[in-house]
PDB file of N, CA and C in Angstrom:
ATOM      1  N   ASP A   1     132.925 108.854  67.285  1.00  0.00           N
ATOM      2  CA  ASP A   1     133.137 109.037  68.713  1.00  0.00           C
ATOM      3  C   ASP A   1     131.800 109.179  69.425  1.00  0.00           C
ATOM      4  N   SER A   2     131.756 108.634  70.594  1.00  0.00           N
ATOM      5  CA  SER A   2     130.560 108.872  71.384  1.00  0.00           C
ATOM      6  C   SER A   2     130.720 110.208  72.092  1.00  0.00           C
ATOM      7  N   PRO A   3     129.661 110.992  72.166  1.00  0.00           N
ATOM      8  CA  PRO A   3     129.761 112.325  72.791  1.00  0.00           C
ATOM      9  C   PRO A   3     130.226 112.264  74.236  1.00  0.00           C
ATOM     10  N   THR A   4     129.810 111.245  74.969  1.00  0.00           N
ATOM     11  CA  THR A   4     130.190 111.119  76.371  1.00  0.00           C
ATOM     12  C   THR A   4     131.695 110.902  76.513  1.00  0.00           C
ATOM     13  N   ALA A   5     132.239 110.005  75.715  1.00  0.00           N
ATOM     14  CA  ALA A   5     133.670 109.718  75.800  1.00  0.00           C
ATOM     15  C   ALA A   5     134.488 110.933  75.380  1.00  0.00           C
ATOM     16  N   ALA A   6     134.060 111.603  74.316  1.00  0.00           N
ATOM     17  CA  ALA A   6     134.798 112.779  73.852  1.00  0.00           C
ATOM     18  C   ALA A   6     134.825 113.857  74.926  1.00  0.00           C
ATOM     19  N   ALA A   7     133.710 114.061  75.601  1.00  0.00           N
ATOM     20  CA  ALA A   7     133.674 115.049  76.686  1.00  0.00           C
ATOM     21  C   ALA A   7     134.597 114.628  77.811  1.00  0.00           C
ATOM     22  N   GLY A   8     134.642 113.344  78.105  1.00  0.00           N
ATOM     23  CA  GLY A   8     135.527 112.831  79.154  1.00  0.00           C
ATOM     24  C   GLY A   8     136.989 113.040  78.821  1.00  0.00           C
ATOM     25  N   TYR A   9     137.359 112.873  77.556  1.00  0.00           N
ATOM     26  CA  TYR A   9     138.746 113.072  77.147  1.00  0.00           C
ATOM     27  C   TYR A   9     139.142 114.531  77.333  1.00  0.00           C
ATOM     28  N   ARG A  10     138.249 115.433  76.950  1.00  0.00           N
ATOM     29  CA  ARG A  10     138.566 116.860  77.093  1.00  0.00           C
ATOM     30  C   ARG A  10     138.668 117.253  78.561  1.00  0.00           C
ATOM     31  N   ARG A  11     137.767 116.742  79.379  1.00  0.00           N
ATOM     32  CA  ARG A  11     137.722 117.114  80.798  1.00  0.00           C
ATOM     33  C   ARG A  11     138.966 116.632  81.531  1.00  0.00           C
ATOM     34  N   ARG A  12     139.464 115.453  81.201  1.00  0.00           N
ATOM     35  CA  ARG A  12     140.595 114.871  81.924  1.00  0.00           C
ATOM     36  C   ARG A  12     141.937 115.150  81.265  1.00  0.00           C
ATOM     37  N   GLY A  13     141.954 115.805  80.151  1.00  0.00           N
ATOM     38  CA  GLY A  13     143.219 116.126  79.520  1.00  0.00           C
ATOM     39  C   GLY A  13     143.935 114.914  78.970  1.00  0.00           C
ATOM     40  N   TYR A  14     143.231 113.962  78.420  1.00  0.00           N
ATOM     41  CA  TYR A  14     143.801 112.805  77.740  1.00  0.00           C
ATOM     42  C   TYR A  14     144.563 111.858  78.657  1.00  0.00           C
ATOM     43  N   SER A  15     144.142 111.718  79.883  1.00  0.00           N
ATOM     44  CA  SER A  15     144.741 110.730  80.776  1.00  0.00           C
ATOM     45  C   SER A  15     144.383 109.342  80.266  1.00  0.00           C
ATOM     46  N   LEU A  16     145.375 108.483  80.078  1.00  0.00           N
ATOM     47  CA  LEU A  16     145.110 107.140  79.560  1.00  0.00           C
ATOM     48  C   LEU A  16     144.151 106.379  80.460  1.00  0.00           C
ATOM     49  N   MET A  17     144.355 106.433  81.757  1.00  0.00           N
ATOM     50  CA  MET A  17     143.470 105.704  82.672  1.00  0.00           C
ATOM     51  C   MET A  17     142.055 106.283  82.627  1.00  0.00           C
ATOM     52  N   GLY A  18     141.939 107.574  82.483  1.00  0.00           N
ATOM     53  CA  GLY A  18     140.618 108.182  82.363  1.00  0.00           C
ATOM     54  C   GLY A  18     139.921 107.757  81.085  1.00  0.00           C
ATOM     55  N   CYS A  19     140.683 107.677  80.009  1.00  0.00           N
ATOM     56  CA  CYS A  19     140.109 107.241  78.729  1.00  0.00           C
ATOM     57  C   CYS A  19     139.669 105.782  78.804  1.00  0.00           C
ATOM     58  N   ILE A  20     140.496 104.940  79.399  1.00  0.00           N
ATOM     59  CA  ILE A  20     140.169 103.517  79.505  1.00  0.00           C
ATOM     60  C   ILE A  20     138.932 103.312  80.366  1.00  0.00           C
ATOM     61  N   LYS A  21     138.795 104.101  81.403  1.00  0.00           N
ATOM     62  CA  LYS A  21     137.638 103.989  82.296  1.00  0.00           C
ATOM     63  C   LYS A  21     136.328 104.227  81.557  1.00  0.00           C
ATOM     64  N   ASP A  22     136.356 105.081  80.528  1.00  0.00           N
ATOM     65  CA  ASP A  22     135.151 105.416  79.772  1.00  0.00           C
ATOM     66  C   ASP A  22     134.824 104.424  78.661  1.00  0.00           C
ATOM     67  N   ILE A  23     135.684 103.450  78.409  1.00  0.00           N
ATOM     68  CA  ILE A  23     135.413 102.465  77.365  1.00  0.00           C
ATOM     69  C   ILE A  23     134.314 101.525  77.859  1.00  0.00           C
ATOM     70  N   PRO A  24     133.272 101.329  77.044  1.00  0.00           N
ATOM     71  CA  PRO A  24     132.191 100.438  77.469  1.00  0.00           C
ATOM     72  C   PRO A  24     132.678  98.999  77.584  1.00  0.00           C
ATOM     73  N   THR A  25     132.023  98.223  78.421  1.00  0.00           N
ATOM     74  CA  THR A  25     132.340  96.813  78.567  1.00  0.00           C
ATOM     75  C   THR A  25     131.992  96.080  77.278  1.00  0.00           C
ATOM     76  N   LEU A  26     132.896  95.232  76.814  1.00  0.00           N
ATOM     77  CA  LEU A  26     132.647  94.458  75.605  1.00  0.00           C
ATOM     78  C   LEU A  26     131.621  93.375  75.903  1.00  0.00           C
ATOM     79  N   LYS A  27     130.515  93.405  75.152  1.00  0.00           N
ATOM     80  CA  LYS A  27     129.435  92.445  75.383  1.00  0.00           C
ATOM     81  C   LYS A  27     129.168  91.567  74.177  1.00  0.00           C
ATOM     82  N   GLY A  28     129.866  91.769  73.100  1.00  0.00           N
ATOM     83  CA  GLY A  28     129.650  90.977  71.898  1.00  0.00           C
ATOM     84  C   GLY A  28     128.840  91.729  70.855  1.00  0.00           C
ATOM     85  N   ASP A  29     127.828  92.469  71.276  1.00  0.00           N
ATOM     86  CA  ASP A  29     127.022  93.214  70.309  1.00  0.00           C
ATOM     87  C   ASP A  29     127.501  94.653  70.145  1.00  0.00           C
ATOM     88  N   ASN A  30     128.521  95.049  70.884  1.00  0.00           N
ATOM     89  CA  ASN A  30     129.020  96.421  70.797  1.00  0.00           C
ATOM     90  C   ASN A  30     130.499  96.464  70.413  1.00  0.00           C
ATOM     91  N   TYR A  31     130.957  95.466  69.654  1.00  0.00           N
ATOM     92  CA  TYR A  31     132.374  95.380  69.321  1.00  0.00           C
ATOM     93  C   TYR A  31     132.885  96.625  68.605  1.00  0.00           C
ATOM     94  N   GLU A  32     132.128  97.124  67.616  1.00  0.00           N
ATOM     95  CA  GLU A  32     132.587  98.282  66.833  1.00  0.00           C
ATOM     96  C   GLU A  32     132.818  99.505  67.722  1.00  0.00           C
ATOM     97  N   GLU A  33     131.858  99.808  68.597  1.00  0.00           N
ATOM     98  CA  GLU A  33     132.003 100.956  69.500  1.00  0.00           C
ATOM     99  C   GLU A  33     133.161 100.720  70.462  1.00  0.00           C
ATOM    100  N   TRP A  34     133.257  99.513  71.008  1.00  0.00           N
ATOM    101  CA  TRP A  34     134.324  99.163  71.952  1.00  0.00           C
ATOM    102  C   TRP A  34     135.693  99.336  71.305  1.00  0.00           C
ATOM    103  N   LYS A  35     135.860  98.813  70.097  1.00  0.00           N
ATOM    104  CA  LYS A  35     137.139  98.887  69.393  1.00  0.00           C
ATOM    105  C   LYS A  35     137.498 100.335  69.075  1.00  0.00           C
ATOM    106  N   ARG A  36     136.512 101.119  68.636  1.00  0.00           N
ATOM    107  CA  ARG A  36     136.750 102.530  68.318  1.00  0.00           C
ATOM    108  C   ARG A  36     137.206 103.294  69.567  1.00  0.00           C
ATOM    109  N   GLU A  37     136.532 103.079  70.684  1.00  0.00           N
ATOM    110  CA  GLU A  37     136.885 103.761  71.938  1.00  0.00           C
ATOM    111  C   GLU A  37     138.264 103.310  72.437  1.00  0.00           C
ATOM    112  N   LEU A  38     138.564 102.024  72.303  1.00  0.00           N
ATOM    113  CA  LEU A  38     139.868 101.504  72.719  1.00  0.00           C
ATOM    114  C   LEU A  38     140.982 102.127  71.877  1.00  0.00           C
ATOM    115  N   ASP A  39     140.797 102.138  70.561  1.00  0.00           N
ATOM    116  CA  ASP A  39     141.793 102.757  69.679  1.00  0.00           C
ATOM    117  C   ASP A  39     141.994 104.227  70.023  1.00  0.00           C
ATOM    118  N   LEU A  40     140.898 104.932  70.246  1.00  0.00           N
ATOM    119  CA  LEU A  40     140.984 106.351  70.575  1.00  0.00           C
ATOM    120  C   LEU A  40     141.739 106.570  71.889  1.00  0.00           C
ATOM    121  N   ALA A  41     141.500 105.711  72.873  1.00  0.00           N
ATOM    122  CA  ALA A  41     142.188 105.837  74.161  1.00  0.00           C
ATOM    123  C   ALA A  41     143.696 105.692  73.981  1.00  0.00           C
ATOM    124  N   PHE A  42     144.121 104.714  73.172  1.00  0.00           N
ATOM    125  CA  PHE A  42     145.559 104.529  72.958  1.00  0.00           C
ATOM    126  C   PHE A  42     146.164 105.639  72.130  1.00  0.00           C
ATOM    127  N   ILE A  43     145.405 106.155  71.164  1.00  0.00           N
ATOM    128  CA  ILE A  43     145.908 107.279  70.353  1.00  0.00           C
ATOM    129  C   ILE A  43     146.068 108.521  71.234  1.00  0.00           C
ATOM    130  N   LEU A  44     145.045 108.839  71.993  1.00  0.00           N
ATOM    131  CA  LEU A  44     145.103 110.043  72.833  1.00  0.00           C
ATOM    132  C   LEU A  44     146.099 109.889  73.986  1.00  0.00           C
ATOM    133  N   GLY A  45     146.314 108.660  74.423  1.00  0.00           N
ATOM    134  CA  GLY A  45     147.292 108.416  75.481  1.00  0.00           C
ATOM    135  C   GLY A  45     148.703 108.284  74.937  1.00  0.00           C
ATOM    136  N   GLU A  46     148.841 108.393  73.603  1.00  0.00           N
ATOM    137  CA  GLU A  46     150.126 108.298  72.921  1.00  0.00           C
ATOM    138  C   GLU A  46     150.871 107.015  73.265  1.00  0.00           C
ATOM    139  N   VAL A  47     150.135 105.910  73.266  1.00  0.00           N
ATOM    140  CA  VAL A  47     150.725 104.598  73.525  1.00  0.00           C
ATOM    141  C   VAL A  47     150.914 103.897  72.196  1.00  0.00           C
ATOM    142  N   ASP A  48     152.117 103.387  71.958  1.00  0.00           N
ATOM    143  CA  ASP A  48     152.393 102.669  70.701  1.00  0.00           C
ATOM    144  C   ASP A  48     152.126 101.198  70.857  1.00  0.00           C
TER     145      ASP A  48
END
């Protein structure tokens, strides 16, 4: 987890839109971080 995103999740109380807003833009060289943040957003937002 990136420290910034984790702090954002705690501050907003796991709002899905708040989590998605913190996901970095996919640029090709950051796929692993992007995918991890996306997965975390859906897990914390309880989206199946």
